[in-house]
N, C-alpha and C. Protein backbone atom coordinates (compact mmCIF):
# COMPACT_ATOMS: atom_id res chain seq x y z
N MET A 1 -7.44 -125.04 -38.15
CA MET A 1 -8.86 -124.87 -38.28
C MET A 1 -9.39 -125.75 -39.40
N LEU A 2 -10.60 -126.19 -39.25
CA LEU A 2 -11.22 -127.01 -40.25
C LEU A 2 -11.85 -126.13 -41.33
N THR A 3 -11.96 -126.69 -42.54
CA THR A 3 -12.55 -125.91 -43.62
C THR A 3 -14.03 -125.64 -43.36
N GLU A 4 -14.70 -126.45 -42.51
CA GLU A 4 -16.10 -126.19 -42.18
C GLU A 4 -16.25 -124.89 -41.39
N GLU A 5 -15.21 -124.47 -40.72
CA GLU A 5 -15.24 -123.25 -39.92
C GLU A 5 -14.80 -122.03 -40.73
N MET A 6 -14.66 -122.19 -42.01
CA MET A 6 -14.15 -121.12 -42.86
C MET A 6 -15.09 -120.88 -44.03
N ILE A 7 -14.98 -119.68 -44.56
CA ILE A 7 -15.75 -119.33 -45.75
C ILE A 7 -14.74 -118.91 -46.82
N PRO A 8 -14.94 -119.33 -48.05
CA PRO A 8 -14.01 -118.90 -49.10
C PRO A 8 -14.05 -117.38 -49.27
N ALA A 9 -12.90 -116.77 -49.32
CA ALA A 9 -12.81 -115.31 -49.43
C ALA A 9 -13.44 -114.82 -50.73
N ASP A 10 -13.28 -115.58 -51.82
CA ASP A 10 -13.86 -115.13 -53.08
C ASP A 10 -15.39 -115.13 -53.02
N THR A 11 -15.99 -116.07 -52.29
CA THR A 11 -17.44 -116.08 -52.11
C THR A 11 -17.89 -114.86 -51.31
N PHE A 12 -17.15 -114.54 -50.26
CA PHE A 12 -17.45 -113.35 -49.47
C PHE A 12 -17.35 -112.10 -50.33
N CYS A 13 -16.31 -112.02 -51.14
CA CYS A 13 -16.10 -110.84 -51.99
C CYS A 13 -17.23 -110.68 -53.01
N ILE A 14 -17.66 -111.77 -53.60
CA ILE A 14 -18.75 -111.71 -54.57
C ILE A 14 -20.04 -111.25 -53.88
N HIS A 15 -20.30 -111.82 -52.71
CA HIS A 15 -21.52 -111.48 -51.98
C HIS A 15 -21.55 -110.01 -51.56
N HIS A 16 -20.39 -109.46 -51.20
CA HIS A 16 -20.33 -108.07 -50.71
C HIS A 16 -19.83 -107.09 -51.78
N ASN A 17 -19.61 -107.59 -52.99
CA ASN A 17 -19.19 -106.76 -54.11
C ASN A 17 -17.91 -105.97 -53.80
N ILE A 18 -16.88 -106.69 -53.33
CA ILE A 18 -15.58 -106.08 -53.07
C ILE A 18 -14.51 -106.89 -53.79
N GLU A 19 -13.35 -106.30 -53.91
CA GLU A 19 -12.22 -106.96 -54.54
C GLU A 19 -11.50 -107.84 -53.52
N LEU A 20 -10.93 -108.93 -53.99
CA LEU A 20 -10.13 -109.79 -53.12
C LEU A 20 -8.92 -109.03 -52.60
N ALA A 21 -8.46 -108.04 -53.35
CA ALA A 21 -7.33 -107.22 -52.92
C ALA A 21 -7.64 -106.50 -51.61
N PHE A 22 -8.90 -106.14 -51.39
CA PHE A 22 -9.29 -105.49 -50.13
C PHE A 22 -9.08 -106.44 -48.96
N ILE A 23 -9.42 -107.70 -49.14
CA ILE A 23 -9.21 -108.72 -48.10
C ILE A 23 -7.72 -108.83 -47.79
N TYR A 24 -6.90 -108.86 -48.83
CA TYR A 24 -5.45 -108.94 -48.63
C TYR A 24 -4.92 -107.68 -47.93
N SER A 25 -5.47 -106.53 -48.26
CA SER A 25 -5.06 -105.28 -47.61
C SER A 25 -5.38 -105.31 -46.11
N LEU A 26 -6.56 -105.80 -45.78
CA LEU A 26 -6.94 -105.92 -44.37
C LEU A 26 -6.03 -106.90 -43.64
N LYS A 27 -5.68 -107.97 -44.32
CA LYS A 27 -4.77 -108.96 -43.73
C LYS A 27 -3.39 -108.35 -43.52
N ASP A 28 -2.89 -107.63 -44.52
CA ASP A 28 -1.57 -107.00 -44.42
C ASP A 28 -1.53 -105.96 -43.31
N SER A 29 -2.67 -105.34 -43.03
CA SER A 29 -2.75 -104.34 -41.97
C SER A 29 -2.92 -104.98 -40.60
N GLY A 30 -3.13 -106.28 -40.57
CA GLY A 30 -3.31 -106.98 -39.31
C GLY A 30 -4.73 -106.89 -38.76
N LEU A 31 -5.68 -106.49 -39.60
CA LEU A 31 -7.05 -106.33 -39.14
C LEU A 31 -7.85 -107.63 -39.18
N ILE A 32 -7.47 -108.55 -40.06
CA ILE A 32 -8.14 -109.86 -40.13
C ILE A 32 -7.08 -110.92 -40.37
N GLU A 33 -7.50 -112.15 -40.19
CA GLU A 33 -6.64 -113.29 -40.50
C GLU A 33 -7.28 -114.05 -41.65
N ILE A 34 -6.43 -114.56 -42.54
CA ILE A 34 -6.91 -115.41 -43.61
C ILE A 34 -6.06 -116.67 -43.61
N THR A 35 -6.58 -117.71 -44.24
CA THR A 35 -5.88 -118.98 -44.32
C THR A 35 -5.86 -119.42 -45.77
N HIS A 36 -4.73 -119.95 -46.18
CA HIS A 36 -4.60 -120.51 -47.52
C HIS A 36 -4.69 -122.03 -47.41
N ILE A 37 -5.63 -122.62 -48.14
CA ILE A 37 -5.76 -124.07 -48.19
C ILE A 37 -5.87 -124.45 -49.66
N GLU A 38 -4.88 -125.21 -50.11
CA GLU A 38 -4.85 -125.67 -51.51
C GLU A 38 -5.07 -124.53 -52.48
N GLU A 39 -4.29 -123.48 -52.33
CA GLU A 39 -4.29 -122.31 -53.21
C GLU A 39 -5.59 -121.50 -53.19
N LYS A 40 -6.46 -121.75 -52.21
CA LYS A 40 -7.66 -120.95 -52.03
C LYS A 40 -7.53 -120.18 -50.73
N VAL A 41 -8.14 -119.02 -50.70
CA VAL A 41 -8.09 -118.15 -49.52
C VAL A 41 -9.40 -118.28 -48.76
N PHE A 42 -9.29 -118.47 -47.43
CA PHE A 42 -10.46 -118.63 -46.59
C PHE A 42 -10.40 -117.64 -45.44
N VAL A 43 -11.58 -117.24 -44.98
CA VAL A 43 -11.72 -116.36 -43.82
C VAL A 43 -12.43 -117.16 -42.73
N PRO A 44 -11.89 -117.17 -41.51
CA PRO A 44 -12.60 -117.87 -40.42
C PRO A 44 -13.99 -117.29 -40.18
N VAL A 45 -14.95 -118.16 -39.96
CA VAL A 45 -16.33 -117.73 -39.73
C VAL A 45 -16.41 -116.82 -38.51
N SER A 46 -15.55 -117.05 -37.53
CA SER A 46 -15.57 -116.23 -36.32
C SER A 46 -15.23 -114.77 -36.60
N GLN A 47 -14.56 -114.49 -37.72
CA GLN A 47 -14.18 -113.13 -38.06
C GLN A 47 -15.18 -112.43 -38.99
N LEU A 48 -16.21 -113.14 -39.41
CA LEU A 48 -17.16 -112.55 -40.36
C LEU A 48 -17.84 -111.28 -39.84
N PRO A 49 -18.33 -111.23 -38.60
CA PRO A 49 -18.95 -109.98 -38.15
C PRO A 49 -17.98 -108.79 -38.20
N HIS A 50 -16.74 -109.02 -37.79
CA HIS A 50 -15.73 -107.95 -37.82
C HIS A 50 -15.43 -107.56 -39.26
N LEU A 51 -15.27 -108.55 -40.13
CA LEU A 51 -14.98 -108.28 -41.54
C LEU A 51 -16.13 -107.52 -42.19
N GLU A 52 -17.36 -107.90 -41.88
CA GLU A 52 -18.51 -107.20 -42.45
C GLU A 52 -18.57 -105.76 -41.97
N LYS A 53 -18.19 -105.52 -40.73
CA LYS A 53 -18.14 -104.15 -40.21
C LYS A 53 -17.10 -103.33 -40.97
N LEU A 54 -15.94 -103.93 -41.24
CA LEU A 54 -14.89 -103.24 -41.98
C LEU A 54 -15.33 -102.94 -43.41
N VAL A 55 -16.03 -103.88 -44.01
CA VAL A 55 -16.54 -103.67 -45.38
C VAL A 55 -17.55 -102.53 -45.40
N ARG A 56 -18.43 -102.46 -44.39
CA ARG A 56 -19.40 -101.36 -44.32
C ARG A 56 -18.70 -100.02 -44.18
N LEU A 57 -17.65 -99.96 -43.34
CA LEU A 57 -16.89 -98.71 -43.21
C LEU A 57 -16.30 -98.31 -44.55
N TYR A 58 -15.80 -99.28 -45.27
CA TYR A 58 -15.15 -99.03 -46.55
C TYR A 58 -16.15 -98.62 -47.63
N GLN A 59 -17.25 -99.36 -47.73
CA GLN A 59 -18.20 -99.12 -48.81
C GLN A 59 -19.20 -98.01 -48.49
N GLU A 60 -19.87 -98.12 -47.38
CA GLU A 60 -20.97 -97.20 -47.09
C GLU A 60 -20.49 -95.84 -46.60
N MET A 61 -19.39 -95.84 -45.88
CA MET A 61 -18.91 -94.57 -45.33
C MET A 61 -17.72 -94.03 -46.12
N ASP A 62 -17.27 -94.81 -47.12
CA ASP A 62 -16.17 -94.40 -48.00
C ASP A 62 -14.91 -94.04 -47.21
N ILE A 63 -14.58 -94.90 -46.24
CA ILE A 63 -13.38 -94.69 -45.42
C ILE A 63 -12.26 -95.54 -45.99
N ASN A 64 -11.10 -94.94 -46.18
CA ASN A 64 -9.98 -95.67 -46.76
C ASN A 64 -9.36 -96.60 -45.71
N LEU A 65 -8.39 -97.40 -46.15
CA LEU A 65 -7.78 -98.41 -45.29
C LEU A 65 -7.11 -97.79 -44.07
N GLU A 66 -6.44 -96.67 -44.25
CA GLU A 66 -5.78 -96.01 -43.12
C GLU A 66 -6.81 -95.54 -42.09
N GLY A 67 -7.92 -95.04 -42.57
CA GLY A 67 -9.00 -94.62 -41.67
C GLY A 67 -9.60 -95.80 -40.93
N ILE A 68 -9.76 -96.92 -41.63
CA ILE A 68 -10.28 -98.13 -41.00
C ILE A 68 -9.32 -98.61 -39.91
N GLU A 69 -8.03 -98.56 -40.20
CA GLU A 69 -7.03 -98.95 -39.19
C GLU A 69 -7.14 -98.07 -37.95
N THR A 70 -7.28 -96.77 -38.16
CA THR A 70 -7.38 -95.83 -37.04
C THR A 70 -8.65 -96.07 -36.24
N ILE A 71 -9.77 -96.23 -36.93
CA ILE A 71 -11.04 -96.47 -36.25
C ILE A 71 -10.98 -97.76 -35.45
N THR A 72 -10.43 -98.81 -36.02
CA THR A 72 -10.32 -100.09 -35.33
C THR A 72 -9.45 -99.96 -34.09
N TYR A 73 -8.35 -99.24 -34.21
CA TYR A 73 -7.45 -99.04 -33.06
C TYR A 73 -8.17 -98.27 -31.95
N LEU A 74 -8.85 -97.19 -32.32
CA LEU A 74 -9.54 -96.38 -31.31
C LEU A 74 -10.69 -97.15 -30.65
N LEU A 75 -11.43 -97.93 -31.43
CA LEU A 75 -12.51 -98.73 -30.85
C LEU A 75 -11.96 -99.77 -29.88
N GLN A 76 -10.82 -100.36 -30.22
CA GLN A 76 -10.20 -101.33 -29.32
C GLN A 76 -9.74 -100.65 -28.03
N ARG A 77 -9.17 -99.46 -28.14
CA ARG A 77 -8.76 -98.71 -26.94
C ARG A 77 -9.96 -98.38 -26.08
N MET A 78 -11.06 -97.95 -26.70
CA MET A 78 -12.27 -97.64 -25.94
C MET A 78 -12.79 -98.88 -25.22
N ASN A 79 -12.79 -100.01 -25.90
CA ASN A 79 -13.24 -101.25 -25.31
C ASN A 79 -12.36 -101.63 -24.12
N ASP A 80 -11.05 -101.49 -24.28
CA ASP A 80 -10.12 -101.77 -23.18
C ASP A 80 -10.39 -100.86 -21.99
N MET A 81 -10.63 -99.58 -22.25
CA MET A 81 -10.90 -98.63 -21.17
C MET A 81 -12.23 -98.95 -20.48
N GLN A 82 -13.24 -99.35 -21.24
CA GLN A 82 -14.52 -99.72 -20.64
C GLN A 82 -14.36 -100.93 -19.73
N GLN A 83 -13.57 -101.89 -20.16
CA GLN A 83 -13.32 -103.06 -19.32
C GLN A 83 -12.59 -102.67 -18.04
N LYS A 84 -11.65 -101.76 -18.16
CA LYS A 84 -10.91 -101.29 -16.99
C LYS A 84 -11.84 -100.54 -16.04
N ILE A 85 -12.75 -99.74 -16.57
CA ILE A 85 -13.71 -99.01 -15.74
C ILE A 85 -14.59 -99.99 -14.97
N VAL A 86 -15.06 -101.03 -15.64
CA VAL A 86 -15.89 -102.03 -14.97
C VAL A 86 -15.09 -102.71 -13.86
N GLN A 87 -13.85 -103.05 -14.15
CA GLN A 87 -12.99 -103.69 -13.15
C GLN A 87 -12.79 -102.78 -11.94
N LEU A 88 -12.48 -101.53 -12.20
CA LEU A 88 -12.27 -100.58 -11.10
C LEU A 88 -13.56 -100.32 -10.32
N SER A 89 -14.67 -100.28 -11.02
CA SER A 89 -15.96 -100.09 -10.36
C SER A 89 -16.27 -101.27 -9.45
N ASN A 90 -15.98 -102.47 -9.93
CA ASN A 90 -16.20 -103.66 -9.09
C ASN A 90 -15.31 -103.63 -7.85
N GLN A 91 -14.08 -103.21 -8.01
CA GLN A 91 -13.17 -103.11 -6.86
C GLN A 91 -13.67 -102.05 -5.87
N LEU A 92 -14.13 -100.93 -6.40
CA LEU A 92 -14.65 -99.87 -5.55
C LEU A 92 -15.89 -100.34 -4.78
N SER A 93 -16.77 -101.05 -5.45
CA SER A 93 -17.97 -101.58 -4.80
C SER A 93 -17.61 -102.53 -3.67
N ARG A 94 -16.60 -103.32 -3.88
CA ARG A 94 -16.15 -104.24 -2.85
C ARG A 94 -15.68 -103.49 -1.60
N TYR A 95 -14.94 -102.41 -1.81
CA TYR A 95 -14.44 -101.61 -0.67
C TYR A 95 -15.56 -100.84 0.02
N GLU A 96 -16.53 -100.39 -0.77
CA GLU A 96 -17.64 -99.64 -0.19
C GLU A 96 -18.54 -100.53 0.66
N ASN A 97 -18.62 -101.80 0.32
CA ASN A 97 -19.48 -102.74 1.03
C ASN A 97 -18.83 -103.29 2.30
N GLU A 98 -17.59 -102.98 2.54
CA GLU A 98 -16.91 -103.50 3.73
C GLU A 98 -17.28 -102.74 4.97
């Protein structure tokens, strides 16, 4: 990835008033990806909406890292199930129209 597609993690932390350790904790939990370039830590711009959601859970709702992991897992499962429902509904519609 190019550095233009990334934001420095320390800039994100300052803007959102969080510790860089929180970013590392999210990375260690597999919730986000970070990149090291010349001893600086960067977050891909594509992950910013997800990262901001995790920060809101942590700061505004006072949810710890384990809770964030659980919520993220359950939301992903719900999303997968919704996609499966749409797929099955489309298949059912196809059979009903025959």
